[in-house]
Protein backbone atom coordinates (compact mmCIF):
# COMPACT_ATOMS: atom_id res chain seq x y z
CA MET A 1 0.00 0.00 0.00
CA LYS A 2 1.33 3.41 -0.95
CA ARG A 3 1.97 5.88 1.85
CA GLY A 4 -0.88 8.36 2.29
CA GLN A 5 -3.44 6.15 0.55
CA PRO A 6 -6.82 6.01 2.39
CA ALA A 7 -6.88 2.84 4.47
CA LEU A 8 -9.32 0.89 6.61
CA ARG A 9 -7.72 -1.40 9.19
CA LEU A 10 -9.62 -4.41 10.46
CA LYS A 11 -9.69 -5.54 14.06
CA ARG A 12 -7.69 -8.57 15.02
CA GLY A 13 -9.61 -11.75 14.18
CA ARG A 14 -12.00 -10.00 11.79
CA ASP A 15 -10.88 -11.78 8.63
CA ALA A 16 -14.25 -12.38 6.99
CA ALA A 17 -13.44 -9.64 4.46
CA ARG A 18 -10.93 -11.96 2.81
CA ASN A 19 -13.85 -14.04 1.49
CA HIS A 20 -16.96 -11.90 1.88
CA PRO A 21 -17.22 -8.34 0.53
CA TRP A 22 -19.11 -6.83 3.46
CA ILE A 23 -17.32 -4.97 6.24
CA PHE A 24 -19.35 -3.63 9.16
CA LYS A 25 -18.38 -0.86 11.56
CA GLY A 26 -17.81 -3.44 14.29
CA ASP A 27 -15.09 -5.03 12.14
CA VAL A 28 -13.10 -1.79 11.87
CA ALA A 29 -10.20 -0.89 14.17
CA ASP A 30 -9.59 2.47 12.52
CA VAL A 31 -9.89 4.23 9.19
CA SER A 32 -7.95 7.14 7.77
CA ASP A 33 -9.65 10.36 6.73
CA VAL A 34 -11.49 9.32 3.58
CA GLU A 35 -14.31 11.03 1.76
CA PRO A 36 -17.63 9.17 2.01
CA GLY A 37 -18.18 7.04 -1.07
CA ALA A 38 -14.51 7.05 -2.05
CA ALA A 39 -12.26 4.05 -2.56
CA VAL A 40 -10.33 2.75 0.43
CA THR A 41 -7.66 0.11 0.86
CA VAL A 42 -8.56 -2.58 3.41
CA VAL A 43 -5.74 -4.04 5.51
CA ASP A 44 -5.73 -6.56 8.34
CA SER A 45 -4.67 -5.83 11.91
CA ALA A 46 -1.01 -6.32 10.95
CA GLY A 47 -1.27 -3.94 8.01
CA ARG A 48 -1.32 -6.64 5.31
CA PHE A 49 -3.32 -5.92 2.15
CA VAL A 50 -6.84 -7.44 2.02
CA GLY A 51 -8.63 -5.61 -0.77
CA ARG A 52 -10.17 -2.35 -1.97
CA GLY A 53 -13.73 -1.15 -1.80
CA PHE A 54 -15.99 1.86 -1.44
CA TYR A 55 -16.24 3.29 2.08
CA ASN A 56 -19.19 5.07 3.65
CA PRO A 57 -19.20 5.88 7.39
CA ARG A 58 -22.97 6.43 7.46
CA PRO A 59 -24.50 2.90 7.39
CA ALA A 60 -23.52 -0.01 9.62
CA LEU A 61 -22.32 -1.83 6.50
CA CYS A 62 -19.57 0.71 5.94
CA CYS A 63 -17.45 -0.87 3.21
CA ARG A 64 -18.00 -3.31 0.36
CA VAL A 65 -14.90 -4.88 -1.13
CA VAL A 66 -14.79 -4.64 -4.93
CA THR A 67 -11.42 -6.28 -5.53
CA TRP A 68 -9.09 -8.53 -3.55
CA ALA A 69 -6.22 -7.79 -5.96
CA ASP A 70 -3.76 -4.96 -5.41
CA GLU A 71 -5.10 -2.91 -8.32
CA PRO A 72 -6.69 0.54 -8.71
CA LEU A 73 -10.41 0.77 -8.11
CA ASP A 74 -10.96 2.91 -11.20
CA SER A 75 -13.10 3.15 -14.32
CA ALA A 76 -10.99 0.51 -16.08
CA LEU A 77 -11.74 -2.02 -13.33
CA LEU A 78 -15.46 -1.17 -13.45
CA GLU A 79 -15.55 -1.67 -17.21
CA ARG A 80 -13.78 -5.04 -16.93
CA ARG A 81 -16.38 -6.21 -14.41
CA LEU A 82 -19.23 -4.95 -16.59
CA ARG A 83 -17.77 -6.69 -19.62
CA SER A 84 -17.52 -9.95 -17.69
CA ALA A 85 -21.12 -9.65 -16.44
CA VAL A 86 -22.47 -8.98 -19.94
CA ALA A 87 -20.44 -11.86 -21.38
CA LEU A 88 -21.88 -14.22 -18.76
CA ARG A 89 -25.44 -13.42 -19.86
CA ALA A 90 -24.49 -13.67 -23.54
CA ARG A 91 -22.83 -17.08 -23.22
CA GLY A 92 -23.80 -19.27 -26.17
CA ALA A 93 -25.58 -16.43 -28.01
CA SER A 94 -24.05 -14.83 -31.09
CA ASP A 95 -26.09 -11.62 -30.78
CA GLY A 96 -25.25 -10.75 -27.17
CA PRO A 97 -27.28 -10.97 -23.95
CA PRO A 98 -31.08 -11.40 -24.03
CA ALA A 99 -33.22 -8.35 -24.74
CA LEU A 100 -34.91 -8.74 -21.35
CA GLY A 101 -33.07 -9.61 -18.16
CA ARG A 102 -30.55 -8.68 -15.51
CA LEU A 103 -27.06 -7.79 -16.71
CA VAL A 104 -25.42 -6.94 -13.37
CA TRP A 105 -26.40 -8.39 -9.99
CA SER A 106 -24.39 -6.48 -7.39
CA GLU A 107 -22.00 -8.65 -5.34
CA ALA A 108 -22.62 -11.66 -7.60
CA ASP A 109 -20.90 -9.80 -10.45
CA GLY A 110 -18.15 -8.20 -8.39
CA LEU A 111 -19.89 -4.81 -8.40
CA PRO A 112 -21.52 -4.56 -4.97
CA GLY A 113 -24.24 -1.96 -4.82
CA LEU A 114 -24.97 -1.93 -8.56
CA VAL A 115 -27.90 -3.40 -10.51
CA VAL A 116 -28.25 -3.16 -14.28
CA ASP A 117 -31.29 -4.48 -16.14
CA ARG A 118 -32.06 -4.57 -19.85
CA TYR A 119 -35.53 -3.81 -21.17
CA GLY A 120 -35.40 -4.14 -24.92
CA PRO A 121 -33.58 -1.13 -26.32
CA VAL A 122 -32.82 0.55 -22.97
CA LEU A 123 -30.66 -0.14 -19.92
CA ILE A 124 -31.73 0.67 -16.37
CA VAL A 125 -29.06 1.36 -13.74
CA GLN A 126 -29.86 1.24 -10.04
CA CYS A 127 -27.27 2.38 -7.50
CA LEU A 128 -27.70 0.99 -3.98
CA THR A 129 -24.58 2.52 -2.39
CA LEU A 130 -22.98 5.95 -2.26
CA GLY A 131 -19.82 4.55 -3.83
CA MET A 132 -21.66 3.31 -6.90
CA ALA A 133 -23.69 6.52 -7.12
CA ARG A 134 -20.43 8.48 -7.32
CA VAL A 135 -19.21 6.46 -10.32
CA ARG A 136 -22.60 6.31 -12.05
CA ALA A 137 -21.45 8.32 -15.07
CA ALA A 138 -18.44 6.05 -15.67
CA ILE A 139 -20.73 3.02 -15.46
CA ALA A 140 -23.19 4.49 -17.97
CA ASP A 141 -20.39 5.31 -20.41
CA ALA A 142 -18.92 1.81 -20.13
CA LEU A 143 -22.33 0.18 -20.66
CA ALA A 144 -22.89 2.27 -23.77
CA ARG A 145 -19.56 1.10 -25.17
CA LEU A 146 -20.38 -2.54 -24.41
CA LEU A 147 -23.98 -2.52 -25.66
CA ASP A 148 -24.16 -0.57 -28.91
CA ASP A 149 -24.58 2.86 -27.34
CA ALA A 150 -27.87 1.88 -25.68
CA PRO A 151 -29.53 4.73 -23.74
CA VAL A 152 -29.18 4.44 -19.96
CA PHE A 153 -31.90 5.30 -17.43
CA ALA A 154 -31.24 5.72 -13.68
CA ALA A 155 -33.83 4.28 -11.28
CA ASP A 156 -32.53 4.55 -7.72
CA GLU A 157 -34.46 3.29 -4.68
CA ASP A 158 -35.50 5.79 -2.03
CA ALA A 159 -34.67 3.50 0.90
CA ALA A 160 -31.13 2.77 -0.26
CA ALA A 161 -30.46 6.44 -1.00
CA ARG A 162 -31.64 7.50 2.46
CA LEU A 163 -29.54 4.84 4.17
CA GLU A 164 -26.40 5.64 2.19
CA GLY A 165 -26.89 9.40 2.05
CA PHE A 166 -27.09 10.19 -1.65
CA GLU A 167 -29.66 11.92 -3.84
CA VAL A 168 -32.05 9.70 -5.77
CA VAL A 169 -31.64 9.91 -9.52
CA ARG A 170 -34.52 8.91 -11.80
CA GLY A 171 -34.16 9.77 -15.43
CA TRP A 172 -31.95 9.47 -18.48
CA ILE A 173 -28.26 9.75 -17.69
CA ARG A 174 -26.91 8.84 -21.11
CA GLY A 175 -28.89 9.29 -24.28
CA ALA A 176 -32.69 9.23 -24.17
CA GLY A 177 -35.46 6.79 -24.90
CA PRO A 178 -39.22 6.28 -24.56
CA GLU A 179 -41.16 6.83 -21.34
CA THR A 180 -42.62 3.33 -21.63
CA VAL A 181 -41.11 0.25 -23.25
CA GLU A 182 -42.88 -2.95 -24.25
CA VAL A 183 -40.98 -6.19 -23.74
CA ASP A 184 -41.68 -9.80 -24.64
CA GLU A 185 -41.23 -12.53 -22.03
CA ASP A 186 -41.71 -15.89 -23.73
CA GLY A 187 -44.74 -14.72 -25.67
CA VAL A 188 -46.31 -12.48 -23.01
CA ARG A 189 -46.00 -8.72 -23.49
CA PHE A 190 -45.36 -6.32 -20.63
CA ALA A 191 -45.42 -2.54 -20.69
CA VAL A 192 -42.82 -1.00 -18.35
CA THR A 193 -42.98 2.68 -17.45
CA LEU A 194 -39.43 3.64 -16.59
CA GLY A 195 -38.79 4.96 -13.10
CA THR A 196 -42.05 3.68 -11.59
CA GLY A 197 -43.04 0.62 -9.58
CA HIS A 198 -40.90 -1.85 -7.66
CA LYS A 199 -37.44 -3.07 -8.63
CA THR A 200 -36.64 -1.64 -12.06
CA GLY A 201 -40.08 -2.30 -13.52
CA LEU A 202 -40.52 -6.08 -13.51
CA TYR A 203 -39.57 -8.85 -11.11
CA LEU A 204 -37.03 -10.30 -13.52
CA ASP A 205 -35.95 -12.87 -10.92
CA GLN A 206 -39.26 -14.73 -11.46
CA ARG A 207 -38.99 -15.17 -15.23
CA GLU A 208 -38.48 -18.95 -15.26
CA ASN A 209 -41.15 -19.44 -12.61
CA ARG A 210 -43.68 -17.42 -14.60
CA VAL A 211 -42.98 -19.58 -17.63
CA ARG A 212 -43.45 -22.70 -15.47
CA ILE A 213 -47.00 -21.73 -14.60
CA ALA A 214 -48.01 -21.58 -18.27
CA GLY A 215 -47.53 -25.34 -18.49
CA LEU A 216 -49.76 -25.99 -15.48
CA ALA A 217 -52.70 -23.72 -16.12
CA ALA A 218 -54.57 -25.11 -19.14
CA GLY A 219 -58.28 -25.48 -18.36
CA ARG A 220 -57.84 -24.43 -14.72
CA ASP A 221 -58.91 -21.51 -12.56
CA VAL A 222 -55.81 -19.65 -11.36
CA LEU A 223 -55.30 -17.45 -8.30
CA ASP A 224 -52.41 -14.96 -8.49
CA ALA A 225 -51.98 -13.50 -5.00
CA PHE A 226 -49.76 -10.42 -4.56
CA CYS A 227 -50.03 -10.26 -8.35
CA TYR A 228 -48.19 -6.92 -8.83
CA THR A 229 -48.48 -6.29 -12.60
CA ALA A 230 -50.12 -9.68 -13.37
CA GLY A 231 -46.99 -11.46 -14.54
CA PHE A 232 -47.98 -14.93 -13.34
CA ALA A 233 -51.61 -14.41 -14.37
CA GLY A 234 -50.56 -13.30 -17.85
CA HIS A 235 -48.50 -16.45 -18.42
CA ALA A 236 -51.26 -18.65 -16.94
CA LEU A 237 -53.90 -17.19 -19.24
CA ARG A 238 -51.57 -17.40 -22.20
CA GLY A 239 -51.10 -21.06 -21.30
CA GLY A 240 -54.83 -21.72 -21.50
CA ALA A 241 -56.19 -21.01 -18.02
CA ARG A 242 -59.97 -20.78 -17.88
CA ARG A 243 -59.75 -17.64 -15.77
CA ALA A 244 -57.37 -15.84 -13.43
CA VAL A 245 -58.18 -14.02 -10.22
CA CYS A 246 -55.55 -11.45 -9.29
CA ILE A 247 -55.24 -10.01 -5.79
CA GLU A 248 -53.32 -6.75 -5.37
CA SER A 249 -53.70 -3.76 -3.04
CA SER A 250 -51.44 -1.20 -4.78
CA PRO A 251 -53.42 1.13 -7.09
CA GLU A 252 -50.30 1.74 -9.21
CA ALA A 253 -49.70 -2.00 -9.65
CA ILE A 254 -53.37 -2.63 -10.45
CA THR A 255 -53.28 -0.03 -13.21
CA ALA A 256 -50.20 -1.71 -14.69
CA ALA A 257 -51.80 -5.16 -14.34
CA ARG A 258 -54.91 -4.07 -16.25
CA ARG A 259 -52.71 -2.58 -18.97
CA ASN A 260 -50.64 -5.76 -19.32
CA LEU A 261 -53.68 -8.02 -19.45
CA ALA A 262 -55.26 -5.81 -22.12
CA LEU A 263 -51.99 -5.66 -24.06
CA ASN A 264 -52.12 -9.45 -24.42
CA GLY A 265 -55.85 -9.67 -25.12
CA LEU A 266 -56.43 -11.49 -21.81
CA ALA A 267 -58.53 -9.01 -19.85
CA ALA A 268 -61.84 -10.79 -20.48
CA ARG A 269 -60.66 -13.88 -18.57
CA ALA A 270 -59.07 -11.97 -15.69
CA GLU A 271 -60.55 -10.53 -12.52
CA ILE A 272 -58.58 -8.12 -10.32
CA GLN A 273 -59.46 -7.82 -6.64
CA ALA A 274 -58.14 -4.64 -5.02
CA VAL A 275 -58.09 -6.07 -1.50
CA ASN A 276 -55.77 -7.30 1.23
CA VAL A 277 -54.48 -10.78 0.38
CA PHE A 278 -54.80 -12.15 3.93
CA ASP A 279 -58.42 -11.01 4.16
CA GLU A 280 -59.31 -12.26 0.68
CA LEU A 281 -57.80 -15.71 1.22
CA ARG A 282 -59.95 -16.11 4.35
CA ARG A 283 -63.03 -14.94 2.45
CA LEU A 284 -62.36 -17.35 -0.41
CA GLU A 285 -62.01 -20.22 2.05
CA ARG A 286 -65.29 -19.35 3.73
CA ALA A 287 -66.98 -19.14 0.32
CA GLY A 288 -65.75 -22.62 -0.63
CA ALA A 289 -63.76 -21.37 -3.62
CA ARG A 290 -61.40 -23.77 -5.41
CA PHE A 291 -58.48 -23.12 -7.75
CA GLY A 292 -56.38 -25.47 -9.83
CA VAL A 293 -53.26 -23.29 -9.62
CA ILE A 294 -52.34 -20.79 -6.90
CA VAL A 295 -49.32 -18.47 -6.81
CA LEU A 296 -48.17 -16.79 -3.60
CA ASP A 297 -45.44 -14.24 -4.34
CA PRO A 298 -45.53 -11.78 -1.44
CA PRO A 299 -43.15 -8.89 -0.77
CA PRO A 300 -40.42 -9.59 1.81
CA PHE A 301 -42.07 -10.20 5.18
CA ALA A 302 -38.72 -10.18 7.03
CA ARG A 303 -36.41 -7.26 6.29
CA SER A 304 -34.35 -7.98 9.40
CA ARG A 305 -33.61 -10.94 11.66
CA SER A 306 -35.86 -9.51 14.36
CA ALA A 307 -38.82 -9.77 11.96
CA ILE A 308 -38.43 -13.52 11.36
CA PRO A 309 -41.05 -14.67 13.94
CA ALA A 310 -43.74 -12.34 12.57
CA ALA A 311 -42.77 -13.20 9.00
CA SER A 312 -43.02 -16.92 9.76
CA ARG A 313 -46.55 -16.44 11.03
CA GLY A 314 -47.46 -14.49 7.90
CA TYR A 315 -46.03 -17.10 5.54
CA LYS A 316 -47.79 -19.89 7.40
CA GLU A 317 -51.12 -18.08 7.30
CA ILE A 318 -51.16 -17.49 3.54
CA ASN A 319 -49.92 -21.00 2.74
CA LEU A 320 -52.47 -22.60 5.05
CA ARG A 321 -55.33 -20.67 3.41
CA ALA A 322 -54.02 -21.36 -0.09
CA LEU A 323 -53.76 -25.11 0.52
CA ARG A 324 -57.32 -25.18 1.81
CA ILE A 325 -58.69 -23.66 -1.41
CA LEU A 326 -56.48 -25.71 -3.75
CA GLU A 327 -58.43 -28.39 -5.59
CA PRO A 328 -57.29 -32.05 -5.65
CA GLY A 329 -54.42 -32.41 -8.11
CA GLY A 330 -53.89 -28.65 -7.98
CA HIS A 331 -50.56 -26.84 -7.96
CA LEU A 332 -49.29 -24.28 -5.44
CA LEU A 333 -46.24 -22.16 -6.28
CA THR A 334 -45.23 -20.38 -3.10
CA PHE A 335 -42.30 -18.02 -2.59
CA SER A 336 -40.32 -16.01 -0.09
CA CYS A 337 -37.92 -13.26 -1.16
CA SER A 338 -36.88 -12.55 2.45
CA HIS A 339 -33.16 -13.30 2.67
CA HIS A 340 -33.44 -13.78 6.44
CA VAL A 341 -35.92 -16.63 5.93
CA SER A 342 -33.75 -19.57 4.92
CA ASP A 343 -34.74 -22.34 2.52
CA SER A 344 -35.06 -24.81 5.38
CA LEU A 345 -37.15 -22.44 7.50
CA PHE A 346 -39.47 -21.67 4.59
CA GLU A 347 -39.93 -25.37 3.92
CA ASP A 348 -40.65 -25.97 7.62
CA ILE A 349 -43.29 -23.22 7.54
CA CYS A 350 -45.00 -24.75 4.50
CA ARG A 351 -44.81 -28.21 6.11
CA GLU A 352 -46.56 -26.89 9.23
CA ALA A 353 -49.22 -25.19 7.09
CA ALA A 354 -49.87 -28.46 5.24
CA ALA A 355 -50.11 -30.35 8.53
CA ASP A 356 -52.63 -27.86 9.92
CA ALA A 357 -54.65 -28.18 6.70
CA HIS A 358 -54.54 -32.00 7.04
CA LEU A 359 -53.05 -32.27 3.55
CA ARG A 360 -50.01 -34.10 2.19
CA PRO A 361 -48.77 -32.25 -0.89
CA ARG A 362 -45.77 -33.56 -2.76
CA VAL A 363 -42.80 -31.37 -3.64
CA VAL A 364 -42.64 -31.12 -7.43
CA ALA A 365 -39.65 -28.77 -7.42
CA HIS A 366 -37.61 -26.37 -5.34
CA LEU A 367 -37.71 -22.96 -7.03
CA THR A 368 -35.32 -20.03 -7.00
CA GLN A 369 -34.31 -16.87 -8.83
CA SER A 370 -33.56 -16.73 -12.56
CA PRO A 371 -30.03 -17.67 -13.66
CA ASP A 372 -29.27 -14.07 -14.61
CA HIS A 373 -29.34 -13.41 -10.84
CA PRO A 374 -26.29 -15.62 -10.10
CA VAL A 375 -25.45 -16.82 -6.61
CA LEU A 376 -21.96 -16.75 -5.11
CA LEU A 377 -21.18 -19.58 -2.71
CA ASN A 378 -19.23 -17.33 -0.34
CA VAL A 379 -21.89 -14.57 -0.43
CA PRO A 380 -25.11 -16.28 0.68
CA GLU A 381 -26.96 -12.97 0.53
CA THR A 382 -26.95 -13.28 -3.27
CA HIS A 383 -29.42 -16.16 -2.86
CA TYR A 384 -32.65 -14.63 -1.60
CA LEU A 385 -35.56 -16.03 -3.62
CA LYS A 386 -36.73 -19.45 -2.54
CA GLY A 387 -39.88 -21.26 -3.49
CA LEU A 388 -41.72 -24.55 -3.60
CA HIS A 389 -43.86 -26.05 -6.31
CA LEU A 390 -46.31 -28.24 -4.42
CA GLN A 391 -49.08 -30.48 -5.77
CA LEU A 392 -51.97 -32.09 -3.95
CA PRO A 393 -52.76 -35.77 -4.60
């Protein structure tokens, strides 16, 4: 390490940073005077080089290691990582990465705090850390060089910006494009209004699972709970479902769901209930309703470890009600995107719900996020979406 270079020294015995990119304030012995969001060299308690990352004294997670090599954390490094991420998604394709999907998934692509999604002709960049927000322009320029000068739209999240202490950016940061783009996901069209809704416009991590439901739905009544913009319902109806009932409480999401269903000519076979899912599942059970396919894709119930008990009760409740209104031979696709709820805990919750419902569903498949959201073995936080495909006898 060069003399005078900003450095963060770890406490003795705090060596997790050699394998995991996250460094918390409790891991830090001392840090030199470094501007928030700037690059810092991480050393161990004896002063030996560990890596380099972006430092921010504001959140508890104060540093994320970008490289474990003794190399500059500069625009050239960022472009190499972006090139590698794009190449991973384009593997086996002569015309580059798919027109719809995730191109950069934060820590999983060696760019912690950065998400890049592709929606047809445009790219959407989401910065989750101050460090990445500071190099946003360099990232946009590199993406344009890698992807045929595609226009780049910024879509930061309010919560991350507040936590990290940077100003939210929503709008075009390189070039310009349409306000709304239409994309094709295996034959189902979706309209995405840039800068609105959750994530970057669609839950791209559920792409393979939405396609799965199309093969289960023919001739059946389908219930899409927490439907958001009717992604699962759209694929089910496209696959031949008799009808789809969508439950969603967000007015913004309901408007988008109606638009997507109409875009695909499916509105006549869809019914949208603007109600609370928990209340509606109880009402459907009391009414004796039955569905051949049910999807439960709720928002994260546990955003912290302390919320796990309440989240477990919530997951059990919705799965219990869903199993009780699932017809014999019917399919339940149930998910949790709460990182703090492990695969084993989620399966235990569903097992308890089945026991209380006096049912014995078989596990058809364990479900997870799409492959363009890769998982690193040494960073378990990159694996967050878990699900079960269950079927009643």
